[in-house]
């Protein structure tokens, strides 16, 4: 299966990467929390489990 990303999803991916790097390696300028990241990735985990 080949997935072609749209410009919108690429933009979201860039923003997510910037915020994640800021959370772990930066000064957390976006004021992210561990709970917020868990909530963000929960949907991806549930979708992956459903498609097994």
Protein backbone atom coordinates (compact mmCIF):
# COMPACT_ATOMS: atom_id res chain seq x y z
CA UNK A 1 0.00 0.00 0.00
CA UNK A 2 1.30 3.43 -0.92
CA UNK A 3 0.20 6.49 1.02
CA UNK A 4 0.48 9.88 -0.65
CA UNK A 5 0.50 12.71 1.85
CA UNK A 6 -1.40 15.88 1.10
CA UNK A 7 0.14 19.31 1.74
CA UNK A 8 -2.18 19.71 4.72
CA UNK A 9 -0.97 16.53 6.41
CA UNK A 10 2.66 17.46 5.68
CA UNK A 11 2.10 20.82 7.34
CA UNK A 12 0.56 19.13 10.37
CA UNK A 13 3.49 16.72 10.52
CA UNK A 14 5.99 19.60 10.47
CA UNK A 15 4.15 21.42 13.25
CA UNK A 16 3.89 18.25 15.35
CA UNK A 17 7.61 17.53 14.91
CA UNK A 18 8.53 21.07 15.93
CA UNK A 19 6.36 20.91 19.04
CA UNK A 20 7.59 17.44 19.99
CA UNK A 21 11.23 18.47 19.66
CA UNK A 22 10.50 21.59 21.71
CA UNK A 23 8.89 19.44 24.41
CA UNK A 24 11.80 16.99 24.71
CA UNK A 25 14.84 19.05 23.70
CA UNK A 26 13.84 22.69 23.88
CA UNK A 27 12.42 25.12 26.40
CA UNK A 28 8.84 23.89 25.90
CA UNK A 29 7.76 27.22 24.43
CA UNK A 30 4.49 25.61 23.30
CA UNK A 31 3.77 24.56 26.92
CA UNK A 32 3.04 20.96 25.93
CA UNK A 33 2.35 18.35 28.58
CA UNK A 34 2.93 14.62 28.63
CA UNK A 35 -0.82 14.13 29.00
CA UNK A 36 -1.50 16.23 25.90
CA UNK A 37 0.96 14.16 23.84
CA UNK A 38 -0.56 10.91 25.06
CA UNK A 39 -4.02 12.17 24.07
CA UNK A 40 -2.73 13.29 20.65
CA UNK A 41 -1.17 9.89 19.84
CA UNK A 42 -3.97 7.79 21.37
CA UNK A 43 -6.06 8.03 18.20
CA UNK A 44 -3.18 6.78 16.06
CA UNK A 45 -2.62 3.84 18.40
CA UNK A 46 -6.30 2.91 18.39
CA UNK A 47 -6.45 3.10 14.60
CA UNK A 48 -3.34 0.92 14.26
CA UNK A 49 -4.79 -1.67 16.62
CA UNK A 50 -8.11 -1.70 14.76
CA UNK A 51 -6.38 -2.32 11.43
CA UNK A 52 -4.33 -5.35 12.57
